[in-house]
Amino acid sequence: MACGHPASKDDCEVIFARSAEVEILAKNVTDPNEIARAVADARVSKGQAAIQDCVGKRITDDALRCVREAKAGIDLDRCLQ
């Protein structure tokens, strides 16, 4: 499905969580508990708005797979272009 589909709330949750996680990893934080706490904090502070902004935008299965595998912010940017 090359042209994609409208992003669901679940799709947007994946994108948001991975984006927050990659941002934290870039700060050399590797403790899984710290990462989980920082992602949860990001979700509280800006998650709802980011997810609402995302829902309905076109996304492909390949882009979602890319997001899940991204190791850096630049990778995420490429995934979502």
C-alpha atoms as a PDB file:
ATOM      1  CA  MET A   1       0.000   0.000   0.000  1.00  0.00           C
ATOM      2  CA  ALA A   2       2.368   2.694  -1.284  1.00  0.00           C
ATOM      3  CA  CYS A   3       0.104   5.726  -0.852  1.00  0.00           C
ATOM      4  CA  GLY A   4      -0.590   4.889   2.771  1.00  0.00           C
ATOM      5  CA  HIS A   5      -3.573   5.348   5.015  1.00  0.00           C
ATOM      6  CA  PRO A   6      -4.772   7.945   7.513  1.00  0.00           C
ATOM      7  CA  ALA A   7      -2.746   7.620  10.715  1.00  0.00           C
ATOM      8  CA  SER A   8      -4.726   6.149  13.584  1.00  0.00           C
ATOM      9  CA  LYS A   9      -4.347   7.185  17.209  1.00  0.00           C
ATOM     10  CA  ASP A  10      -2.309   4.007  17.769  1.00  0.00           C
ATOM     11  CA  ASP A  11      -0.002   4.873  14.844  1.00  0.00           C
ATOM     12  CA  CYS A  12       0.515   8.333  16.296  1.00  0.00           C
ATOM     13  CA  GLU A  13       1.184   6.911  19.755  1.00  0.00           C
ATOM     14  CA  VAL A  14       3.974   4.775  18.260  1.00  0.00           C
ATOM     15  CA  ILE A  15       5.464   7.765  16.445  1.00  0.00           C
ATOM     16  CA  PHE A  16       5.298   9.994  19.532  1.00  0.00           C
ATOM     17  CA  ALA A  17       6.749   7.408  21.908  1.00  0.00           C
ATOM     18  CA  ARG A  18       9.610   6.487  19.571  1.00  0.00           C
ATOM     19  CA  SER A  19      10.376  10.139  18.906  1.00  0.00           C
ATOM     20  CA  ALA A  20      10.560  10.867  22.645  1.00  0.00           C
ATOM     21  CA  GLU A  21      12.672   7.768  23.226  1.00  0.00           C
ATOM     22  CA  VAL A  22      15.133   8.654  20.448  1.00  0.00           C
ATOM     23  CA  GLU A  23      15.433  12.186  21.844  1.00  0.00           C
ATOM     24  CA  ILE A  24      16.282  10.780  25.277  1.00  0.00           C
ATOM     25  CA  LEU A  25      18.751   8.253  23.880  1.00  0.00           C
ATOM     26  CA  ALA A  26      20.525  11.130  22.104  1.00  0.00           C
ATOM     27  CA  LYS A  27      21.285  12.514  25.578  1.00  0.00           C
ATOM     28  CA  ASN A  28      23.137   9.261  26.363  1.00  0.00           C
ATOM     29  CA  VAL A  29      20.447   8.073  28.765  1.00  0.00           C
ATOM     30  CA  THR A  30      20.383   4.294  28.591  1.00  0.00           C
ATOM     31  CA  ASP A  31      18.629   3.231  31.788  1.00  0.00           C
ATOM     32  CA  PRO A  32      15.279   1.725  30.720  1.00  0.00           C
ATOM     33  CA  ASN A  33      13.515   3.134  33.799  1.00  0.00           C
ATOM     34  CA  GLU A  34      14.787   6.663  33.106  1.00  0.00           C
ATOM     35  CA  ILE A  35      13.772   6.346  29.453  1.00  0.00           C
ATOM     36  CA  ALA A  36      10.276   5.150  30.387  1.00  0.00           C
ATOM     37  CA  ARG A  37       9.904   7.976  32.923  1.00  0.00           C
ATOM     38  CA  ALA A  38      11.054  10.605  30.420  1.00  0.00           C
ATOM     39  CA  VAL A  39       8.688   9.284  27.726  1.00  0.00           C
ATOM     40  CA  ALA A  40       5.820   9.361  30.235  1.00  0.00           C
ATOM     41  CA  ASP A  41       6.726  12.945  31.211  1.00  0.00           C
ATOM     42  CA  ALA A  42       6.818  13.972  27.534  1.00  0.00           C
ATOM     43  CA  ARG A  43       3.439  12.356  26.987  1.00  0.00           C
ATOM     44  CA  VAL A  44       1.957  14.397  29.845  1.00  0.00           C
ATOM     45  CA  SER A  45       3.503  17.687  28.741  1.00  0.00           C
ATOM     46  CA  LYS A  46       2.986  17.526  24.983  1.00  0.00           C
ATOM     47  CA  GLY A  47       1.759  14.108  23.976  1.00  0.00           C
ATOM     48  CA  GLN A  48      -1.946  14.805  23.625  1.00  0.00           C
ATOM     49  CA  ALA A  49      -1.461  17.794  21.308  1.00  0.00           C
ATOM     50  CA  ALA A  50       1.156  16.001  19.214  1.00  0.00           C
ATOM     51  CA  ILE A  51      -1.010  12.914  18.829  1.00  0.00           C
ATOM     52  CA  GLN A  52      -4.119  14.932  17.917  1.00  0.00           C
ATOM     53  CA  ASP A  53      -2.062  16.810  15.334  1.00  0.00           C
ATOM     54  CA  CYS A  54      -0.879  13.511  13.838  1.00  0.00           C
ATOM     55  CA  VAL A  55      -4.171  11.591  13.616  1.00  0.00           C
ATOM     56  CA  GLY A  56      -5.521  11.490  10.072  1.00  0.00           C
ATOM     57  CA  LYS A  57      -2.279  12.401   8.303  1.00  0.00           C
ATOM     58  CA  ARG A  58      -1.122   9.969   5.621  1.00  0.00           C
ATOM     59  CA  ILE A  59       1.284   7.266   6.780  1.00  0.00           C
ATOM     60  CA  THR A  60       2.545   4.083   5.177  1.00  0.00           C
ATOM     61  CA  ASP A  61       3.311   0.767   6.820  1.00  0.00           C
ATOM     62  CA  ASP A  62       6.941   1.212   5.672  1.00  0.00           C
ATOM     63  CA  ALA A  63       7.134   4.594   7.422  1.00  0.00           C
ATOM     64  CA  LEU A  64       5.818   3.080  10.666  1.00  0.00           C
ATOM     65  CA  ARG A  65       8.324   0.237  10.423  1.00  0.00           C
ATOM     66  CA  CYS A  66      11.065   2.816   9.840  1.00  0.00           C
ATOM     67  CA  VAL A  67       9.950   4.801  12.917  1.00  0.00           C
ATOM     68  CA  ARG A  68      10.105   1.689  15.084  1.00  0.00           C
ATOM     69  CA  GLU A  69      13.676   1.008  13.898  1.00  0.00           C
ATOM     70  CA  ALA A  70      14.968   4.605  13.996  1.00  0.00           C
ATOM     71  CA  LYS A  71      18.100   5.144  16.056  1.00  0.00           C
ATOM     72  CA  ALA A  72      18.373   8.946  15.780  1.00  0.00           C
ATOM     73  CA  GLY A  73      16.261  12.005  15.140  1.00  0.00           C
ATOM     74  CA  ILE A  74      17.518  12.298  11.577  1.00  0.00           C
ATOM     75  CA  ASP A  75      16.324   8.736  10.955  1.00  0.00           C
ATOM     76  CA  LEU A  76      12.857   9.676  12.220  1.00  0.00           C
ATOM     77  CA  ASP A  77      12.805  12.696   9.933  1.00  0.00           C
ATOM     78  CA  ARG A  78      13.619  10.492   6.957  1.00  0.00           C
ATOM     79  CA  CYS A  79      10.922   8.007   7.950  1.00  0.00           C
ATOM     80  CA  LEU A  80       8.231  10.657   7.978  1.00  0.00           C
ATOM     81  CA  GLN A  81       9.136  12.538   4.796  1.00  0.00           C
END
